[in-house]
Every structure is written in C-alpha cells, then in structure tokens.
C-alpha cells in the first residue's frame, strides 16, 4: 500500500508515462486542493486552493495555480515556475 497523496501519485504516474498534464484542457491533479507549495527559501508553506486556469503569458502552456499563504494572501504562480521538492514532498517556487 502506498502512502503517497493523490497529487504525488499523479505526479509519479505522469513522469512514468510521459504524460504532460499541462497540455490538457482539464484541471491538473498535480495541484489539487491542499497540495503544499513552498516559497523559494522553503520557510513558508502555502496550500493550493484547487483553483487553476491557463497561464496567459504569450507562448506559455502552464497553469496558474491559486495558492493561499498563512497571512491569508493568495498568489497565482505558473506551474512552469514550480519544481518538485522530493525532500519535502511539496512543490517549490523556482
């Protein structure tokens, strides 16, 4: 039995199968509600709200992920600017 979350399982499956979730016209399970996102320095943890939409930057195929931080502010980083932090099992803003 695996102890990985749905997001972690989806991420591992996408890597194993070569699936690009960012190119599809549906929500990515990689950034489901309550998925952890870390700041660049890794000191602050935010949670995905589950809301996401296509990045509007010219030529970008990423998704804008809505992240709520402990101070109640929301940011919308692009998925193309996030990296998977294996140590913390969370996304990190690059």
N, C-alpha and C. Protein backbone atom coordinates (compact mmCIF):
# COMPACT_ATOMS: atom_id res chain seq x y z
N UNK A 1 0.85 -1.18 0.00
CA UNK A 1 0.00 0.00 0.00
C UNK A 1 0.89 1.24 0.00
N UNK A 2 0.59 2.16 -0.86
CA UNK A 2 1.37 3.38 -1.00
C UNK A 2 0.89 4.44 -0.02
N UNK A 3 1.83 5.23 0.50
CA UNK A 3 1.50 6.30 1.42
C UNK A 3 1.58 7.65 0.73
N UNK A 4 1.49 7.66 -0.59
CA UNK A 4 1.56 8.92 -1.33
C UNK A 4 0.16 9.51 -1.49
N UNK A 5 0.11 10.84 -1.53
CA UNK A 5 -1.17 11.52 -1.75
C UNK A 5 -1.58 11.35 -3.21
N UNK A 6 -2.81 11.74 -3.52
CA UNK A 6 -3.28 11.67 -4.90
C UNK A 6 -2.39 12.50 -5.82
N UNK A 7 -2.00 13.69 -5.35
CA UNK A 7 -1.16 14.57 -6.17
C UNK A 7 0.20 13.93 -6.43
N UNK A 8 0.79 13.33 -5.39
CA UNK A 8 2.09 12.68 -5.55
C UNK A 8 1.98 11.48 -6.49
N UNK A 9 0.92 10.71 -6.35
CA UNK A 9 0.71 9.55 -7.21
C UNK A 9 0.53 9.99 -8.66
N UNK A 10 -0.27 11.04 -8.88
CA UNK A 10 -0.48 11.56 -10.24
C UNK A 10 0.82 12.06 -10.83
N UNK A 11 1.62 12.73 -10.00
CA UNK A 11 2.91 13.24 -10.47
C UNK A 11 3.82 12.10 -10.89
N UNK A 12 3.95 11.09 -10.04
CA UNK A 12 4.80 9.95 -10.36
C UNK A 12 4.30 9.23 -11.61
N UNK A 13 2.98 9.06 -11.74
CA UNK A 13 2.41 8.42 -12.92
C UNK A 13 2.69 9.22 -14.18
N UNK A 14 2.59 10.55 -14.07
CA UNK A 14 2.83 11.39 -15.25
C UNK A 14 4.28 11.28 -15.70
N UNK A 15 5.20 11.20 -14.74
CA UNK A 15 6.61 11.05 -15.10
C UNK A 15 6.86 9.69 -15.74
N UNK A 16 6.27 8.65 -15.17
CA UNK A 16 6.50 7.29 -15.66
C UNK A 16 5.91 7.09 -17.06
N UNK A 17 4.77 7.73 -17.32
CA UNK A 17 4.08 7.53 -18.59
C UNK A 17 4.33 8.62 -19.61
N UNK A 18 5.13 9.62 -19.25
CA UNK A 18 5.42 10.70 -20.18
C UNK A 18 4.23 11.59 -20.46
N UNK A 19 3.28 11.65 -19.54
CA UNK A 19 2.07 12.46 -19.74
C UNK A 19 2.37 13.90 -19.37
N UNK A 20 1.93 14.82 -20.20
CA UNK A 20 2.07 16.24 -19.91
C UNK A 20 0.70 16.78 -19.50
N UNK A 21 0.44 16.82 -18.20
CA UNK A 21 -0.85 17.31 -17.72
C UNK A 21 -1.08 18.77 -18.08
N UNK A 22 0.00 19.53 -18.27
CA UNK A 22 -0.12 20.95 -18.52
C UNK A 22 -0.68 21.24 -19.91
N UNK A 23 -0.64 20.28 -20.81
CA UNK A 23 -1.09 20.50 -22.18
C UNK A 23 -2.55 20.11 -22.38
N UNK A 24 -3.20 19.63 -21.35
CA UNK A 24 -4.58 19.17 -21.48
C UNK A 24 -5.57 20.25 -21.08
N UNK A 25 -6.79 20.14 -21.56
CA UNK A 25 -7.84 21.11 -21.25
C UNK A 25 -8.66 20.66 -20.05
N UNK A 26 -8.01 20.35 -18.99
CA UNK A 26 -8.70 20.00 -17.74
C UNK A 26 -7.80 20.36 -16.57
N UNK A 27 -8.36 20.31 -15.40
CA UNK A 27 -7.56 20.63 -14.21
C UNK A 27 -6.51 19.56 -13.98
N UNK A 28 -5.36 20.00 -13.53
CA UNK A 28 -4.29 19.06 -13.25
C UNK A 28 -4.43 18.50 -11.84
N UNK A 29 -4.42 17.17 -11.69
CA UNK A 29 -4.49 16.59 -10.34
C UNK A 29 -3.23 16.86 -9.53
N UNK A 30 -2.18 17.34 -10.20
CA UNK A 30 -0.94 17.62 -9.50
C UNK A 30 -1.09 18.78 -8.53
N UNK A 31 -2.07 19.64 -8.77
CA UNK A 31 -2.25 20.83 -7.94
C UNK A 31 -3.65 20.84 -7.33
N UNK A 32 -4.09 19.71 -6.83
CA UNK A 32 -5.42 19.63 -6.23
C UNK A 32 -5.45 20.39 -4.90
N UNK A 33 -6.64 20.56 -4.38
CA UNK A 33 -6.83 21.32 -3.14
C UNK A 33 -5.95 20.75 -2.03
N UNK A 34 -5.34 21.66 -1.27
CA UNK A 34 -4.49 21.35 -0.11
C UNK A 34 -3.13 20.74 -0.47
N UNK A 35 -2.74 20.81 -1.74
CA UNK A 35 -1.38 20.43 -2.12
C UNK A 35 -0.43 21.50 -1.60
N UNK A 36 0.68 21.10 -1.01
CA UNK A 36 1.62 22.05 -0.39
C UNK A 36 2.53 22.69 -1.44
N UNK A 37 2.70 24.02 -1.32
CA UNK A 37 3.63 24.79 -2.15
C UNK A 37 4.55 25.55 -1.20
N UNK A 38 5.85 25.46 -1.44
CA UNK A 38 6.84 26.15 -0.62
C UNK A 38 7.35 27.40 -1.33
N UNK A 39 7.73 28.40 -0.53
CA UNK A 39 8.37 29.58 -1.10
C UNK A 39 9.76 29.20 -1.59
N UNK A 40 10.42 30.13 -2.26
CA UNK A 40 11.76 29.85 -2.80
C UNK A 40 12.72 29.40 -1.72
N UNK A 41 12.66 30.06 -0.55
CA UNK A 41 13.59 29.71 0.53
C UNK A 41 13.11 28.50 1.34
N UNK A 42 11.89 28.04 1.09
CA UNK A 42 11.36 26.86 1.76
C UNK A 42 10.88 27.09 3.17
N UNK A 43 10.85 28.34 3.62
CA UNK A 43 10.47 28.64 5.01
C UNK A 43 8.96 28.79 5.20
N UNK A 44 8.24 29.10 4.14
CA UNK A 44 6.80 29.31 4.26
C UNK A 44 6.07 28.30 3.39
N UNK A 45 5.01 27.72 3.97
CA UNK A 45 4.20 26.73 3.26
C UNK A 45 2.83 27.30 2.95
N UNK A 46 2.44 27.20 1.69
CA UNK A 46 1.11 27.60 1.28
C UNK A 46 0.35 26.37 0.81
N UNK A 47 -0.95 26.52 0.64
CA UNK A 47 -1.78 25.42 0.17
C UNK A 47 -2.52 25.81 -1.09
N UNK A 48 -2.55 24.90 -2.06
CA UNK A 48 -3.34 25.14 -3.26
C UNK A 48 -4.81 25.17 -2.88
N UNK A 49 -5.55 26.08 -3.49
CA UNK A 49 -6.99 26.17 -3.22
C UNK A 49 -7.77 25.21 -4.10
N UNK A 50 -7.12 24.69 -5.12
CA UNK A 50 -7.80 23.83 -6.09
C UNK A 50 -8.18 24.60 -7.35
N UNK A 51 -8.16 25.94 -7.27
CA UNK A 51 -8.48 26.76 -8.44
C UNK A 51 -7.24 26.86 -9.33
N UNK A 52 -7.45 26.75 -10.61
CA UNK A 52 -6.36 26.87 -11.57
C UNK A 52 -6.93 27.27 -12.92
N UNK A 53 -6.11 27.95 -13.69
CA UNK A 53 -6.52 28.36 -15.03
C UNK A 53 -5.29 28.49 -15.91
N UNK A 54 -5.48 28.55 -17.20
CA UNK A 54 -4.38 28.63 -18.15
C UNK A 54 -3.57 29.90 -17.94
N UNK A 55 -2.26 29.78 -18.05
CA UNK A 55 -1.38 30.94 -17.97
C UNK A 55 -1.58 31.77 -19.23
N UNK A 56 -1.70 33.08 -19.06
CA UNK A 56 -1.98 33.97 -20.19
C UNK A 56 -0.72 34.55 -20.83
N UNK A 57 0.46 34.22 -20.33
CA UNK A 57 1.68 34.72 -20.95
C UNK A 57 1.82 34.13 -22.35
N UNK A 58 2.25 34.94 -23.28
CA UNK A 58 2.37 34.51 -24.68
C UNK A 58 3.27 33.28 -24.79
N UNK A 59 2.73 32.23 -25.38
CA UNK A 59 3.50 31.02 -25.61
C UNK A 59 3.61 30.07 -24.43
N UNK A 60 3.12 30.45 -23.27
CA UNK A 60 3.22 29.59 -22.09
C UNK A 60 2.11 28.54 -22.11
N UNK A 61 2.46 27.31 -21.82
CA UNK A 61 1.48 26.22 -21.78
C UNK A 61 1.19 25.78 -20.35
N UNK A 62 1.63 26.57 -19.39
CA UNK A 62 1.43 26.22 -17.98
C UNK A 62 0.06 26.59 -17.46
N UNK A 63 -0.14 26.28 -16.20
CA UNK A 63 -1.37 26.62 -15.49
C UNK A 63 -1.05 27.60 -14.38
N UNK A 64 -1.93 28.54 -14.15
CA UNK A 64 -1.81 29.42 -12.98
C UNK A 64 -2.50 28.69 -11.83
N UNK A 65 -1.78 28.49 -10.75
CA UNK A 65 -2.25 27.75 -9.59
C UNK A 65 -2.51 28.75 -8.47
N UNK A 66 -3.70 28.74 -7.90
CA UNK A 66 -4.01 29.67 -6.82
C UNK A 66 -3.53 29.06 -5.50
N UNK A 67 -2.63 29.80 -4.82
CA UNK A 67 -2.04 29.33 -3.56
C UNK A 67 -2.37 30.31 -2.46
N UNK A 68 -2.92 29.81 -1.34
CA UNK A 68 -3.20 30.65 -0.17
C UNK A 68 -2.09 30.45 0.85
N UNK A 69 -1.53 31.58 1.32
CA UNK A 69 -0.42 31.58 2.26
C UNK A 69 -0.92 31.82 3.67
N UNK A 70 -0.10 31.58 4.70
CA UNK A 70 -0.54 31.74 6.09
C UNK A 70 -1.06 33.13 6.44
N UNK A 71 -0.60 34.17 5.72
CA UNK A 71 -1.09 35.53 6.00
C UNK A 71 -2.40 35.82 5.27
N UNK A 72 -3.04 34.80 4.69
CA UNK A 72 -4.33 34.85 4.00
C UNK A 72 -4.24 35.45 2.60
N UNK A 73 -3.06 35.81 2.15
CA UNK A 73 -2.93 36.31 0.78
C UNK A 73 -2.91 35.14 -0.20
N UNK A 74 -3.36 35.42 -1.41
CA UNK A 74 -3.33 34.43 -2.48
C UNK A 74 -2.39 34.89 -3.57
N UNK A 75 -1.61 33.97 -4.10
CA UNK A 75 -0.79 34.25 -5.27
C UNK A 75 -1.16 33.24 -6.34
N UNK A 76 -0.72 33.52 -7.55
CA UNK A 76 -1.05 32.66 -8.68
C UNK A 76 0.21 32.32 -9.48
N UNK A 77 1.11 31.51 -8.92
CA UNK A 77 2.32 31.15 -9.67
C UNK A 77 1.98 30.23 -10.85
N UNK A 78 2.79 30.33 -11.89
CA UNK A 78 2.62 29.46 -13.05
C UNK A 78 3.25 28.10 -12.73
N UNK A 79 2.60 27.05 -13.17
CA UNK A 79 3.11 25.70 -12.92
C UNK A 79 4.49 25.49 -13.56
N UNK A 80 4.79 26.22 -14.61
CA UNK A 80 6.10 26.09 -15.26
C UNK A 80 7.22 26.65 -14.38
N UNK A 81 6.86 27.46 -13.38
CA UNK A 81 7.85 28.02 -12.47
C UNK A 81 7.93 27.29 -11.15
N UNK A 82 7.33 26.10 -11.08
CA UNK A 82 7.37 25.30 -9.86
C UNK A 82 8.23 24.07 -10.10
N UNK A 83 8.93 23.64 -9.06
CA UNK A 83 9.71 22.41 -9.14
C UNK A 83 9.28 21.49 -7.99
N UNK A 84 9.42 20.20 -8.21
CA UNK A 84 9.05 19.22 -7.18
C UNK A 84 10.21 19.05 -6.21
N UNK A 85 9.94 19.27 -4.93
CA UNK A 85 10.95 19.13 -3.88
C UNK A 85 10.76 17.74 -3.26
N UNK A 86 11.61 16.80 -3.63
CA UNK A 86 11.47 15.42 -3.15
C UNK A 86 11.64 15.32 -1.64
N UNK A 87 12.53 16.12 -1.09
CA UNK A 87 12.79 16.07 0.35
C UNK A 87 11.56 16.43 1.16
N UNK A 88 10.87 17.49 0.75
CA UNK A 88 9.68 17.95 1.48
C UNK A 88 8.38 17.40 0.90
N UNK A 89 8.48 16.70 -0.24
CA UNK A 89 7.31 16.18 -0.94
C UNK A 89 6.28 17.28 -1.15
N UNK A 90 6.76 18.37 -1.75
CA UNK A 90 5.92 19.54 -2.00
C UNK A 90 6.46 20.27 -3.22
N UNK A 91 5.64 21.13 -3.80
CA UNK A 91 6.07 21.99 -4.89
C UNK A 91 6.81 23.19 -4.31
N UNK A 92 7.82 23.65 -5.02
CA UNK A 92 8.59 24.82 -4.59
C UNK A 92 8.62 25.83 -5.73
N UNK A 93 8.42 27.10 -5.38
CA UNK A 93 8.52 28.16 -6.37
C UNK A 93 9.99 28.31 -6.74
N UNK A 94 10.28 28.19 -8.03
CA UNK A 94 11.68 28.22 -8.51
C UNK A 94 12.21 29.63 -8.61
